[in-house]
Structures are given as structure tokens and as C-alpha cells.
N, C-alpha and C. Protein backbone atom coordinates (compact mmCIF):
# COMPACT_ATOMS: atom_id res chain seq x y z
N UNK A 1 -7.63 -17.01 -13.89
CA UNK A 1 -7.74 -16.71 -12.46
C UNK A 1 -6.49 -17.20 -11.71
N UNK A 2 -5.96 -18.35 -12.14
CA UNK A 2 -4.77 -18.89 -11.48
C UNK A 2 -3.59 -17.95 -11.64
N UNK A 3 -3.41 -17.42 -12.87
CA UNK A 3 -2.32 -16.47 -13.13
C UNK A 3 -2.53 -15.20 -12.32
N UNK A 4 -3.77 -14.73 -12.28
CA UNK A 4 -4.11 -13.50 -11.56
C UNK A 4 -3.72 -13.63 -10.09
N UNK A 5 -4.12 -14.73 -9.47
CA UNK A 5 -3.84 -14.94 -8.05
C UNK A 5 -2.35 -15.12 -7.80
N UNK A 6 -1.66 -15.82 -8.73
CA UNK A 6 -0.22 -16.04 -8.58
C UNK A 6 0.55 -14.73 -8.64
N UNK A 7 0.19 -13.88 -9.60
CA UNK A 7 0.88 -12.59 -9.76
C UNK A 7 0.57 -11.68 -8.57
N UNK A 8 -0.70 -11.61 -8.18
CA UNK A 8 -1.07 -10.78 -7.04
C UNK A 8 -0.37 -11.25 -5.77
N UNK A 9 -0.34 -12.57 -5.55
CA UNK A 9 0.32 -13.11 -4.37
C UNK A 9 1.80 -12.79 -4.35
N UNK A 10 2.45 -12.90 -5.51
CA UNK A 10 3.88 -12.60 -5.59
C UNK A 10 4.14 -11.12 -5.33
N UNK A 11 3.34 -10.25 -5.97
CA UNK A 11 3.51 -8.81 -5.77
C UNK A 11 3.26 -8.41 -4.31
N UNK A 12 2.19 -8.94 -3.73
CA UNK A 12 1.86 -8.61 -2.35
C UNK A 12 2.97 -9.06 -1.40
N UNK A 13 3.49 -10.25 -1.63
CA UNK A 13 4.52 -10.79 -0.74
C UNK A 13 5.82 -10.01 -0.86
N UNK A 14 6.24 -9.71 -2.08
CA UNK A 14 7.51 -9.02 -2.28
C UNK A 14 7.43 -7.56 -1.84
N UNK A 15 6.33 -6.87 -2.16
CA UNK A 15 6.18 -5.47 -1.75
C UNK A 15 5.93 -5.36 -0.24
N UNK A 16 5.20 -6.34 0.31
CA UNK A 16 4.93 -6.42 1.74
C UNK A 16 4.42 -5.09 2.32
N UNK A 17 3.23 -4.66 1.93
CA UNK A 17 2.68 -3.40 2.48
C UNK A 17 2.51 -3.43 3.99
N UNK A 18 2.32 -4.61 4.58
CA UNK A 18 2.19 -4.69 6.04
C UNK A 18 3.50 -4.29 6.71
N UNK A 19 4.63 -4.61 6.07
CA UNK A 19 5.92 -4.21 6.62
C UNK A 19 6.16 -2.73 6.53
N UNK A 20 5.42 -2.05 5.65
CA UNK A 20 5.55 -0.60 5.48
C UNK A 20 4.67 0.16 6.47
N UNK A 21 3.71 -0.55 7.08
CA UNK A 21 2.78 0.09 8.01
C UNK A 21 3.48 0.85 9.14
N UNK A 22 4.45 0.25 9.85
CA UNK A 22 5.11 1.00 10.92
C UNK A 22 5.82 2.25 10.42
N UNK A 23 6.42 2.17 9.22
CA UNK A 23 7.09 3.33 8.63
C UNK A 23 6.08 4.41 8.32
N UNK A 24 4.96 4.02 7.72
CA UNK A 24 3.91 4.97 7.39
C UNK A 24 3.38 5.67 8.64
N UNK A 25 3.14 4.89 9.68
CA UNK A 25 2.63 5.46 10.94
C UNK A 25 3.64 6.43 11.53
N UNK A 26 4.91 6.06 11.47
CA UNK A 26 5.94 6.93 12.03
C UNK A 26 6.08 8.25 11.28
N UNK A 27 5.91 8.19 9.96
CA UNK A 27 6.08 9.39 9.13
C UNK A 27 4.84 10.28 9.10
N UNK A 28 3.68 9.71 9.43
CA UNK A 28 2.42 10.48 9.36
C UNK A 28 1.76 10.61 10.73
N UNK A 29 2.52 10.44 11.78
CA UNK A 29 1.95 10.49 13.13
C UNK A 29 1.30 11.81 13.48
N UNK A 30 1.84 12.92 12.95
CA UNK A 30 1.29 14.24 13.27
C UNK A 30 0.37 14.76 12.16
N UNK A 31 0.00 13.91 11.22
CA UNK A 31 -0.88 14.31 10.13
C UNK A 31 -2.35 14.07 10.53
N UNK A 32 -3.24 14.81 9.89
CA UNK A 32 -4.67 14.58 10.11
C UNK A 32 -5.09 13.31 9.38
N UNK A 33 -6.28 12.81 9.70
CA UNK A 33 -6.79 11.59 9.07
C UNK A 33 -6.92 11.78 7.57
N UNK A 34 -7.38 12.96 7.15
CA UNK A 34 -7.53 13.25 5.72
C UNK A 34 -6.18 13.29 5.03
N UNK A 35 -5.19 13.90 5.68
CA UNK A 35 -3.85 13.99 5.10
C UNK A 35 -3.23 12.61 4.96
N UNK A 36 -3.46 11.74 5.93
CA UNK A 36 -2.95 10.37 5.85
C UNK A 36 -3.60 9.62 4.69
N UNK A 37 -4.90 9.84 4.48
CA UNK A 37 -5.60 9.18 3.38
C UNK A 37 -5.05 9.65 2.03
N UNK A 38 -4.76 10.95 1.93
CA UNK A 38 -4.20 11.51 0.69
C UNK A 38 -2.82 10.91 0.42
N UNK A 39 -2.00 10.81 1.45
CA UNK A 39 -0.66 10.22 1.30
C UNK A 39 -0.77 8.76 0.89
N UNK A 40 -1.68 8.02 1.49
CA UNK A 40 -1.89 6.62 1.13
C UNK A 40 -2.34 6.49 -0.32
N UNK A 41 -3.23 7.39 -0.75
CA UNK A 41 -3.73 7.35 -2.12
C UNK A 41 -2.61 7.58 -3.13
N UNK A 42 -1.80 8.63 -2.90
CA UNK A 42 -0.74 8.94 -3.85
C UNK A 42 0.39 7.92 -3.81
N UNK A 43 0.60 7.30 -2.67
CA UNK A 43 1.57 6.21 -2.60
C UNK A 43 1.13 5.05 -3.49
N UNK A 44 -0.15 4.70 -3.41
CA UNK A 44 -0.70 3.62 -4.23
C UNK A 44 -0.60 3.96 -5.72
N UNK A 45 -0.90 5.22 -6.07
CA UNK A 45 -0.80 5.65 -7.47
C UNK A 45 0.64 5.58 -7.96
N UNK A 46 1.57 6.06 -7.14
CA UNK A 46 2.99 6.02 -7.51
C UNK A 46 3.46 4.59 -7.71
N UNK A 47 3.04 3.70 -6.82
CA UNK A 47 3.42 2.29 -6.94
C UNK A 47 2.86 1.70 -8.24
N UNK A 48 1.59 2.00 -8.54
CA UNK A 48 0.97 1.49 -9.75
C UNK A 48 1.70 1.96 -11.00
N UNK A 49 2.08 3.21 -11.03
CA UNK A 49 2.82 3.76 -12.19
C UNK A 49 4.16 3.05 -12.34
N UNK A 50 4.85 2.84 -11.23
CA UNK A 50 6.14 2.15 -11.27
C UNK A 50 5.97 0.72 -11.76
N UNK A 51 4.93 0.04 -11.30
CA UNK A 51 4.68 -1.33 -11.73
C UNK A 51 4.39 -1.40 -13.22
N UNK A 52 3.55 -0.49 -13.71
CA UNK A 52 3.21 -0.48 -15.13
C UNK A 52 4.42 -0.18 -16.01
N UNK A 53 5.21 0.81 -15.59
CA UNK A 53 6.42 1.16 -16.36
C UNK A 53 7.40 -0.01 -16.37
N UNK A 54 7.56 -0.66 -15.23
CA UNK A 54 8.48 -1.80 -15.14
C UNK A 54 8.03 -2.93 -16.06
N UNK A 55 6.73 -3.18 -16.07
CA UNK A 55 6.20 -4.29 -16.86
C UNK A 55 6.29 -4.03 -18.36
N UNK A 56 5.85 -2.85 -18.78
CA UNK A 56 5.77 -2.58 -20.22
C UNK A 56 7.10 -2.11 -20.82
N UNK A 57 7.98 -1.55 -19.99
CA UNK A 57 9.28 -1.11 -20.50
C UNK A 57 10.35 -2.16 -20.30
N UNK A 58 9.97 -3.29 -19.71
CA UNK A 58 10.94 -4.32 -19.38
C UNK A 58 11.73 -4.84 -20.56
N UNK A 59 11.03 -5.14 -21.66
CA UNK A 59 11.70 -5.71 -22.83
C UNK A 59 12.73 -4.74 -23.41
N UNK A 60 12.44 -3.45 -23.36
CA UNK A 60 13.37 -2.45 -23.89
C UNK A 60 14.60 -2.31 -22.99
N UNK A 61 14.39 -2.45 -21.68
CA UNK A 61 15.52 -2.39 -20.75
C UNK A 61 16.46 -3.56 -20.98
N UNK A 62 15.87 -4.76 -21.16
CA UNK A 62 16.68 -5.94 -21.42
C UNK A 62 17.45 -5.81 -22.74
N UNK A 63 16.78 -5.33 -23.77
CA UNK A 63 17.41 -5.19 -25.08
C UNK A 63 18.53 -4.15 -25.05
N UNK A 64 18.29 -3.05 -24.37
CA UNK A 64 19.26 -1.95 -24.32
C UNK A 64 20.55 -2.39 -23.64
N UNK A 65 20.42 -3.11 -22.54
CA UNK A 65 21.60 -3.54 -21.79
C UNK A 65 22.11 -4.92 -22.21
N UNK A 66 21.40 -5.58 -23.13
CA UNK A 66 21.84 -6.88 -23.59
C UNK A 66 21.80 -7.95 -22.52
N UNK A 67 20.77 -7.91 -21.69
CA UNK A 67 20.63 -8.85 -20.57
C UNK A 67 19.69 -9.98 -20.97
N UNK A 68 20.10 -11.21 -20.72
CA UNK A 68 19.24 -12.35 -21.03
C UNK A 68 18.20 -12.53 -19.93
N UNK A 69 17.11 -13.22 -20.27
CA UNK A 69 16.04 -13.44 -19.30
C UNK A 69 16.53 -14.28 -18.12
N UNK A 70 17.36 -15.28 -18.41
CA UNK A 70 17.86 -16.13 -17.33
C UNK A 70 18.74 -15.34 -16.36
N UNK A 71 19.57 -14.46 -16.91
CA UNK A 71 20.42 -13.63 -16.05
C UNK A 71 19.57 -12.71 -15.17
N UNK A 72 18.52 -12.15 -15.77
CA UNK A 72 17.64 -11.27 -15.00
C UNK A 72 16.93 -12.03 -13.90
N UNK A 73 16.48 -13.25 -14.22
CA UNK A 73 15.76 -14.04 -13.23
C UNK A 73 16.66 -14.45 -12.06
N UNK A 74 17.92 -14.75 -12.37
CA UNK A 74 18.85 -15.10 -11.29
C UNK A 74 19.14 -13.88 -10.42
N UNK A 75 19.41 -12.72 -11.08
CA UNK A 75 19.67 -11.50 -10.32
C UNK A 75 18.44 -11.09 -9.51
N UNK A 76 17.28 -11.15 -10.16
CA UNK A 76 16.04 -10.81 -9.46
C UNK A 76 15.75 -11.78 -8.33
N UNK A 77 16.04 -13.06 -8.57
CA UNK A 77 15.84 -14.06 -7.53
C UNK A 77 16.71 -13.81 -6.32
N UNK A 78 17.96 -13.38 -6.55
CA UNK A 78 18.86 -13.07 -5.44
C UNK A 78 18.35 -11.86 -4.64
N UNK A 79 17.86 -10.84 -5.37
CA UNK A 79 17.33 -9.65 -4.70
C UNK A 79 16.09 -9.99 -3.88
N UNK A 80 15.20 -10.77 -4.51
CA UNK A 80 13.96 -11.17 -3.83
C UNK A 80 14.28 -12.01 -2.59
N UNK A 81 15.24 -12.93 -2.73
CA UNK A 81 15.62 -13.77 -1.61
C UNK A 81 16.21 -12.95 -0.46
N UNK A 82 17.05 -11.97 -0.81
CA UNK A 82 17.64 -11.11 0.23
C UNK A 82 16.57 -10.29 0.94
N UNK A 83 15.56 -9.86 0.18
CA UNK A 83 14.44 -9.14 0.80
C UNK A 83 13.68 -10.05 1.76
N UNK A 84 13.51 -11.31 1.34
CA UNK A 84 12.84 -12.27 2.21
C UNK A 84 13.59 -12.51 3.50
N UNK A 85 14.92 -12.63 3.40
CA UNK A 85 15.73 -12.80 4.59
C UNK A 85 15.64 -11.58 5.50
N UNK A 86 15.57 -10.38 4.90
CA UNK A 86 15.44 -9.16 5.69
C UNK A 86 14.12 -9.16 6.47
N UNK A 87 13.05 -9.62 5.83
CA UNK A 87 11.75 -9.73 6.51
C UNK A 87 11.80 -10.80 7.59
N UNK A 88 12.43 -11.90 7.28
CA UNK A 88 12.46 -13.04 8.21
C UNK A 88 13.28 -12.71 9.46
N UNK A 89 14.30 -11.89 9.30
CA UNK A 89 15.17 -11.56 10.43
C UNK A 89 14.82 -10.22 11.09
N UNK A 90 13.75 -9.58 10.61
CA UNK A 90 13.32 -8.32 11.21
C UNK A 90 14.19 -7.13 10.84
N UNK A 91 14.89 -7.22 9.69
CA UNK A 91 15.77 -6.13 9.28
C UNK A 91 15.30 -5.51 7.97
N UNK A 92 13.96 -5.46 7.80
CA UNK A 92 13.38 -4.96 6.55
C UNK A 92 13.75 -3.49 6.31
N UNK A 93 13.65 -2.66 7.35
CA UNK A 93 13.94 -1.24 7.20
C UNK A 93 15.42 -1.00 6.88
N UNK A 94 16.30 -1.77 7.51
CA UNK A 94 17.73 -1.65 7.22
C UNK A 94 18.00 -2.06 5.79
N UNK A 95 17.33 -3.13 5.34
CA UNK A 95 17.52 -3.62 3.97
C UNK A 95 17.11 -2.56 2.95
N UNK A 96 16.08 -1.79 3.28
CA UNK A 96 15.60 -0.73 2.38
C UNK A 96 16.35 0.59 2.57
N UNK A 97 17.33 0.61 3.48
CA UNK A 97 18.11 1.83 3.70
C UNK A 97 17.42 2.86 4.55
N UNK A 98 16.39 2.45 5.29
CA UNK A 98 15.59 3.42 6.05
C UNK A 98 16.22 3.85 7.37
N UNK A 99 17.27 3.17 7.81
CA UNK A 99 17.87 3.50 9.09
C UNK A 99 19.14 4.34 8.97
N UNK A 100 19.47 4.72 7.76
CA UNK A 100 20.63 5.58 7.58
C UNK A 100 20.29 6.99 8.07
N UNK A 101 21.24 7.59 8.75
CA UNK A 101 21.00 8.89 9.39
C UNK A 101 20.61 9.96 8.39
N UNK A 102 21.34 10.05 7.27
CA UNK A 102 21.05 11.08 6.27
C UNK A 102 19.67 10.87 5.64
N UNK A 103 19.30 9.60 5.44
CA UNK A 103 17.99 9.30 4.87
C UNK A 103 16.89 9.74 5.82
N UNK A 104 17.06 9.45 7.09
CA UNK A 104 16.06 9.85 8.08
C UNK A 104 15.92 11.36 8.16
N UNK A 105 17.04 12.06 8.11
CA UNK A 105 16.99 13.53 8.17
C UNK A 105 16.29 14.10 6.94
N UNK A 106 16.55 13.51 5.78
CA UNK A 106 15.92 13.99 4.55
C UNK A 106 14.42 13.76 4.58
N UNK A 107 14.00 12.60 5.08
CA UNK A 107 12.58 12.27 5.15
C UNK A 107 11.84 13.24 6.05
N UNK A 108 12.45 13.55 7.19
CA UNK A 108 11.78 14.40 8.17
C UNK A 108 11.65 15.83 7.69
N UNK A 109 12.48 16.26 6.75
CA UNK A 109 12.43 17.65 6.29
C UNK A 109 11.62 17.81 5.01
N UNK A 110 11.04 16.72 4.49
CA UNK A 110 10.24 16.81 3.27
C UNK A 110 8.77 16.59 3.56
N UNK A 111 7.94 17.28 2.81
CA UNK A 111 6.49 17.13 2.96
C UNK A 111 5.98 15.92 2.18
N UNK A 112 6.48 15.75 0.96
CA UNK A 112 6.02 14.65 0.12
C UNK A 112 6.78 13.37 0.40
N UNK A 113 6.09 12.35 0.88
CA UNK A 113 6.75 11.09 1.19
C UNK A 113 6.14 9.93 0.42
N UNK A 114 5.16 10.23 -0.43
CA UNK A 114 4.46 9.15 -1.14
C UNK A 114 5.37 8.45 -2.15
N UNK A 115 6.14 9.23 -2.93
CA UNK A 115 7.02 8.62 -3.92
C UNK A 115 8.24 8.00 -3.25
N UNK A 116 8.94 8.82 -2.48
CA UNK A 116 10.07 8.33 -1.68
C UNK A 116 9.88 8.79 -0.25
N UNK A 117 10.01 7.94 0.71
CA UNK A 117 10.53 6.57 0.61
C UNK A 117 9.45 5.49 0.51
N UNK A 118 8.16 5.86 0.50
CA UNK A 118 7.11 4.85 0.58
C UNK A 118 7.00 4.00 -0.70
N UNK A 119 6.79 4.67 -1.86
CA UNK A 119 6.67 3.90 -3.11
C UNK A 119 8.01 3.27 -3.48
N UNK A 120 9.06 4.11 -3.46
CA UNK A 120 10.43 3.65 -3.70
C UNK A 120 11.29 4.07 -2.50
N UNK A 121 12.00 3.20 -1.82
CA UNK A 121 12.19 1.78 -2.15
C UNK A 121 11.34 0.83 -1.30
N UNK A 122 10.49 1.37 -0.40
CA UNK A 122 9.80 0.50 0.55
C UNK A 122 8.89 -0.52 -0.13
N UNK A 123 8.15 -0.09 -1.15
CA UNK A 123 7.17 -0.98 -1.79
C UNK A 123 7.67 -1.50 -3.14
N UNK A 124 7.83 -0.64 -4.09
CA UNK A 124 8.26 -1.06 -5.44
C UNK A 124 9.77 -0.95 -5.55
N UNK A 125 10.46 -1.92 -4.99
CA UNK A 125 11.92 -1.93 -5.02
C UNK A 125 12.45 -2.73 -6.19
N UNK A 126 13.76 -2.99 -6.21
CA UNK A 126 14.38 -3.75 -7.31
C UNK A 126 13.80 -5.14 -7.50
N UNK A 127 13.45 -5.80 -6.40
CA UNK A 127 12.88 -7.15 -6.50
C UNK A 127 11.57 -7.15 -7.26
N UNK A 128 10.71 -6.19 -6.95
CA UNK A 128 9.42 -6.08 -7.63
C UNK A 128 9.60 -5.75 -9.10
N UNK A 129 10.50 -4.81 -9.39
CA UNK A 129 10.74 -4.38 -10.76
C UNK A 129 11.29 -5.53 -11.61
N UNK A 130 12.26 -6.27 -11.07
CA UNK A 130 12.84 -7.39 -11.83
C UNK A 130 11.81 -8.49 -12.04
N UNK A 131 10.94 -8.69 -11.06
CA UNK A 131 9.88 -9.70 -11.21
C UNK A 131 8.96 -9.35 -12.38
N UNK A 132 8.58 -8.09 -12.48
CA UNK A 132 7.66 -7.67 -13.54
C UNK A 132 8.32 -7.69 -14.91
N UNK A 133 9.60 -7.37 -14.96
CA UNK A 133 10.32 -7.47 -16.23
C UNK A 133 10.35 -8.92 -16.70
N UNK A 134 10.52 -9.83 -15.75
CA UNK A 134 10.50 -11.26 -16.07
C UNK A 134 9.13 -11.69 -16.58
N UNK A 135 8.07 -11.21 -15.91
CA UNK A 135 6.70 -11.52 -16.35
C UNK A 135 6.47 -11.04 -17.77
N UNK A 136 7.01 -9.88 -18.10
CA UNK A 136 6.82 -9.31 -19.43
C UNK A 136 7.39 -10.23 -20.50
N UNK A 137 8.50 -10.91 -20.18
CA UNK A 137 9.14 -11.79 -21.14
C UNK A 137 8.49 -13.18 -21.17
N UNK A 138 7.96 -13.62 -20.03
CA UNK A 138 7.40 -14.97 -19.94
C UNK A 138 5.97 -15.06 -20.47
N UNK A 139 5.19 -14.02 -20.26
CA UNK A 139 3.78 -14.04 -20.65
C UNK A 139 3.57 -13.07 -21.81
N UNK A 140 3.37 -13.62 -23.00
CA UNK A 140 3.32 -12.80 -24.21
C UNK A 140 1.90 -12.64 -24.76
N UNK A 141 0.98 -13.47 -24.34
CA UNK A 141 -0.39 -13.38 -24.85
C UNK A 141 -1.08 -12.13 -24.30
N UNK A 142 -1.94 -11.52 -25.11
CA UNK A 142 -2.64 -10.30 -24.69
C UNK A 142 -3.47 -10.54 -23.45
N UNK A 143 -4.17 -11.67 -23.40
CA UNK A 143 -5.01 -12.00 -22.25
C UNK A 143 -4.17 -12.12 -20.98
N UNK A 144 -2.98 -12.69 -21.09
CA UNK A 144 -2.09 -12.84 -19.94
C UNK A 144 -1.61 -11.48 -19.45
N UNK A 145 -1.30 -10.59 -20.40
CA UNK A 145 -0.83 -9.26 -20.02
C UNK A 145 -1.93 -8.48 -19.31
N UNK A 146 -3.17 -8.59 -19.81
CA UNK A 146 -4.29 -7.92 -19.15
C UNK A 146 -4.51 -8.48 -17.75
N UNK A 147 -4.32 -9.77 -17.60
CA UNK A 147 -4.47 -10.40 -16.29
C UNK A 147 -3.44 -9.87 -15.31
N UNK A 148 -2.20 -9.74 -15.76
CA UNK A 148 -1.13 -9.24 -14.91
C UNK A 148 -1.38 -7.78 -14.54
N UNK A 149 -1.84 -6.98 -15.50
CA UNK A 149 -2.16 -5.58 -15.21
C UNK A 149 -3.29 -5.50 -14.18
N UNK A 150 -4.28 -6.38 -14.32
CA UNK A 150 -5.36 -6.41 -13.34
C UNK A 150 -4.85 -6.73 -11.94
N UNK A 151 -3.87 -7.64 -11.85
CA UNK A 151 -3.27 -7.98 -10.56
C UNK A 151 -2.51 -6.78 -9.98
N UNK A 152 -1.90 -5.99 -10.87
CA UNK A 152 -1.20 -4.78 -10.42
C UNK A 152 -2.19 -3.78 -9.81
N UNK A 153 -3.32 -3.60 -10.48
CA UNK A 153 -4.34 -2.67 -9.98
C UNK A 153 -4.86 -3.14 -8.61
N UNK A 154 -5.09 -4.43 -8.47
CA UNK A 154 -5.56 -4.94 -7.19
C UNK A 154 -4.50 -4.76 -6.11
N UNK A 155 -3.24 -4.95 -6.47
CA UNK A 155 -2.14 -4.74 -5.52
C UNK A 155 -2.09 -3.29 -5.06
N UNK A 156 -2.28 -2.36 -6.01
CA UNK A 156 -2.27 -0.93 -5.67
C UNK A 156 -3.45 -0.58 -4.76
N UNK A 157 -4.62 -1.13 -5.06
CA UNK A 157 -5.80 -0.89 -4.22
C UNK A 157 -5.58 -1.44 -2.82
N UNK A 158 -4.98 -2.62 -2.74
CA UNK A 158 -4.69 -3.23 -1.45
C UNK A 158 -3.71 -2.37 -0.64
N UNK A 159 -2.71 -1.82 -1.32
CA UNK A 159 -1.75 -0.94 -0.65
C UNK A 159 -2.46 0.28 -0.08
N UNK A 160 -3.36 0.86 -0.88
CA UNK A 160 -4.11 2.04 -0.41
C UNK A 160 -4.93 1.71 0.83
N UNK A 161 -5.64 0.59 0.79
CA UNK A 161 -6.49 0.21 1.92
C UNK A 161 -5.65 -0.04 3.17
N UNK A 162 -4.52 -0.74 3.01
CA UNK A 162 -3.67 -1.05 4.16
C UNK A 162 -3.05 0.21 4.75
N UNK A 163 -2.51 1.08 3.89
CA UNK A 163 -1.88 2.30 4.40
C UNK A 163 -2.91 3.25 5.01
N UNK A 164 -4.08 3.32 4.40
CA UNK A 164 -5.14 4.17 4.95
C UNK A 164 -5.56 3.68 6.33
N UNK A 165 -5.50 2.37 6.54
CA UNK A 165 -5.88 1.78 7.82
C UNK A 165 -4.67 1.51 8.72
N UNK A 166 -3.52 2.09 8.37
CA UNK A 166 -2.27 1.76 9.05
C UNK A 166 -2.34 1.98 10.55
N UNK A 167 -2.87 3.12 10.97
CA UNK A 167 -2.92 3.44 12.40
C UNK A 167 -3.84 2.47 13.14
N UNK A 168 -4.92 2.06 12.49
CA UNK A 168 -5.82 1.07 13.10
C UNK A 168 -5.14 -0.29 13.18
N UNK A 169 -4.40 -0.66 12.10
CA UNK A 169 -3.71 -1.96 12.06
C UNK A 169 -2.68 -2.04 13.18
N UNK A 170 -1.95 -0.95 13.40
CA UNK A 170 -0.95 -0.93 14.46
C UNK A 170 -1.60 -1.11 15.82
N UNK A 171 -2.73 -0.45 16.03
CA UNK A 171 -3.43 -0.57 17.31
C UNK A 171 -3.99 -1.98 17.50
N UNK A 172 -4.47 -2.58 16.40
CA UNK A 172 -5.12 -3.88 16.48
C UNK A 172 -4.09 -5.02 16.62
N UNK A 173 -3.08 -5.00 15.75
CA UNK A 173 -2.09 -6.09 15.75
C UNK A 173 -0.93 -5.83 16.70
N UNK A 174 -0.57 -4.55 16.82
CA UNK A 174 0.60 -4.23 17.61
C UNK A 174 1.88 -4.51 16.84
N UNK A 175 2.99 -4.07 17.35
CA UNK A 175 4.28 -4.26 16.67
C UNK A 175 4.62 -5.74 16.55
N UNK A 176 4.31 -6.51 17.58
CA UNK A 176 4.64 -7.94 17.56
C UNK A 176 3.83 -8.68 16.50
N UNK A 177 2.56 -8.31 16.34
CA UNK A 177 1.71 -8.95 15.33
C UNK A 177 2.19 -8.64 13.93
N UNK A 178 2.56 -7.40 13.68
CA UNK A 178 3.06 -7.01 12.36
C UNK A 178 4.37 -7.71 12.06
N UNK A 179 5.24 -7.80 13.06
CA UNK A 179 6.52 -8.49 12.87
C UNK A 179 6.31 -9.97 12.56
N UNK A 180 5.34 -10.58 13.24
CA UNK A 180 5.06 -12.00 13.01
C UNK A 180 4.58 -12.23 11.59
N UNK A 181 3.65 -11.38 11.12
CA UNK A 181 3.15 -11.50 9.75
C UNK A 181 4.27 -11.26 8.73
N UNK A 182 5.12 -10.29 9.01
CA UNK A 182 6.22 -9.98 8.10
C UNK A 182 7.18 -11.15 7.98
N UNK A 183 7.40 -11.85 9.09
CA UNK A 183 8.31 -13.00 9.06
C UNK A 183 7.71 -14.15 8.24
N UNK A 184 6.40 -14.34 8.37
CA UNK A 184 5.73 -15.37 7.57
C UNK A 184 5.82 -15.02 6.09
N UNK A 185 5.54 -13.76 5.77
CA UNK A 185 5.63 -13.30 4.39
C UNK A 185 7.07 -13.42 3.89
N UNK A 186 8.04 -13.14 4.77
CA UNK A 186 9.44 -13.25 4.40
C UNK A 186 9.81 -14.64 3.95
N UNK A 187 9.27 -15.65 4.62
CA UNK A 187 9.52 -17.04 4.23
C UNK A 187 8.98 -17.31 2.83
N UNK A 188 7.78 -16.78 2.54
CA UNK A 188 7.18 -16.96 1.21
C UNK A 188 8.03 -16.26 0.15
N UNK A 189 8.51 -15.06 0.47
CA UNK A 189 9.33 -14.29 -0.47
C UNK A 189 10.63 -15.03 -0.78
N UNK A 190 11.25 -15.63 0.22
CA UNK A 190 12.46 -16.42 0.00
C UNK A 190 12.18 -17.56 -0.97
N UNK A 191 11.06 -18.24 -0.76
CA UNK A 191 10.68 -19.36 -1.64
C UNK A 191 10.49 -18.88 -3.08
N UNK A 192 9.87 -17.71 -3.26
CA UNK A 192 9.68 -17.15 -4.61
C UNK A 192 11.02 -16.89 -5.27
N UNK A 193 11.94 -16.27 -4.52
CA UNK A 193 13.27 -15.97 -5.07
C UNK A 193 14.04 -17.22 -5.44
N UNK A 194 14.01 -18.22 -4.57
CA UNK A 194 14.71 -19.48 -4.84
C UNK A 194 14.11 -20.17 -6.06
N UNK A 195 12.79 -20.13 -6.19
CA UNK A 195 12.12 -20.74 -7.34
C UNK A 195 12.58 -20.11 -8.65
N UNK A 196 12.75 -18.78 -8.66
CA UNK A 196 13.22 -18.10 -9.86
C UNK A 196 14.65 -18.50 -10.20
N UNK A 197 15.49 -18.61 -9.19
CA UNK A 197 16.87 -19.00 -9.42
C UNK A 197 16.95 -20.42 -9.96
N UNK A 198 16.20 -21.34 -9.35
CA UNK A 198 16.21 -22.74 -9.77
C UNK A 198 15.73 -22.89 -11.22
N UNK A 199 14.63 -22.21 -11.56
CA UNK A 199 14.09 -22.32 -12.92
C UNK A 199 15.09 -21.80 -13.95
N UNK A 200 15.82 -20.74 -13.61
CA UNK A 200 16.82 -20.19 -14.53
C UNK A 200 17.99 -21.15 -14.70
N UNK A 201 18.46 -21.72 -13.59
CA UNK A 201 19.58 -22.67 -13.65
C UNK A 201 19.19 -23.90 -14.48
N UNK A 202 17.96 -24.38 -14.28
CA UNK A 202 17.48 -25.54 -15.05
C UNK A 202 17.44 -25.21 -16.54
N UNK A 203 16.97 -24.01 -16.90
CA UNK A 203 16.93 -23.60 -18.31
C UNK A 203 18.32 -23.55 -18.92
N UNK A 204 19.28 -22.99 -18.16
CA UNK A 204 20.65 -22.88 -18.64
C UNK A 204 21.26 -24.26 -18.84
N UNK A 205 21.07 -25.17 -17.88
CA UNK A 205 21.64 -26.52 -17.96
C UNK A 205 21.02 -27.32 -19.11
N UNK A 206 19.72 -27.11 -19.33
CA UNK A 206 19.04 -27.83 -20.42
C UNK A 206 19.59 -27.39 -21.78
N UNK A 207 19.94 -26.10 -21.91
CA UNK A 207 20.49 -25.60 -23.16
C UNK A 207 21.90 -26.14 -23.38
N UNK A 208 22.64 -26.26 -22.27
CA UNK A 208 24.00 -26.79 -22.36
C UNK A 208 23.97 -28.26 -22.81
N UNK A 209 23.03 -29.01 -22.25
CA UNK A 209 22.89 -30.44 -22.60
C UNK A 209 22.52 -30.63 -24.07
N UNK A 210 21.69 -29.68 -24.58
CA UNK A 210 21.31 -29.77 -25.98
C UNK A 210 22.49 -29.47 -26.91
């Protein structure tokens, strides 16, 4: 249960579905309630597929590129930390590339938005992917892997519920409330990223000492 909660908490914080709520509302403002539910559902499915592929294909990606686990954790930690700073400073959309003119024009002219930009890069970005690749290398027991997969499913269900209720959340919390929550989550995300960097540096130094 401890591993389950830790993985779910890390995934929820790094993906930050609450930070995606304003984007979702903006992109689906002229959609019907049913259409918004369908978009939320497929976004959650796309995110789940990306999470599963990242987790189970992680070891092959590392082997193919010859990347060590410590190097991945440091790189992932830097990405996660930068995402946290983007949340903390209110620049989450800029960090995800959502304010670029060409990106905005492309989004507005496409019907399907569940995969891009919602699933990628808003939710399952590089930070999330690198985190799961790290989990794949750190937790090798079958029970641990099933626990992590269960946390992924819960994260996907949570994303669906939040996005489906996005318009209600905006009305209830308002922009200021969502920004406040995002900043709190951003602080947690920074701590997660720093923790990964520290653990990798400690591992490297311990090997040097030996």
C-alpha cells in the first residue's frame, strides 16, 4: 500500500491534471457535455497507454541508448524539477509549449485533442516518462510491478474524473483556486525531482568511494 500511494502521489503531482483543467475547458468550451466526457475518456486512455509503454519498455530504451539508471534519474530529476518550477511560477502552459502561436493554431484546427496536446505533452510528458522508466529499473519484483500498474490505472481514472468535471471545477474553484493548488503541487514536484537527483549523486559518490 505504501508503494501504491507513493507512486500514485508522484504520478498525480508530476502530471498535475488540475493544471490541465483550464486548457481542457478552453479547448472544449463549445462542445456538448457528452462530447467533453468522450474527450476526457480518451485522454485518460491515451495517458494510460503512454504510462504502460513507458514503464514496460523502459529497460529496452535504456539498453538501446546505453544510458545508466543514475544518468536517467538525474536527467529525469532535472525535468521534473523544471516542471515544478513552471507550476510554482504559473508558467505551466509555457513550459509545455502551449502558448506558441503555431501550436495554438494547430490545436484550434483539429478535432482530436485527446492525444495531443492533452495526453502529450500536458499530462504524460518527459518527466512522467523518465519517472516510470526509473521505477521499472528500481522495482523488479512481480508484486511491485503489479502495484505500480495499479497506481497507473488509478491515476488514469482520476484524470478522467477531473477532466470530465473540469467545467464544474473551474466554476467552483475559479482561476485563482486552480492556480493556488497548482503552486502547492509545484512545490511537491520540485521536491520529488530534487530527491531523485540527490539519490543518484549519492549512488555515484558511493561507487567512487568503493
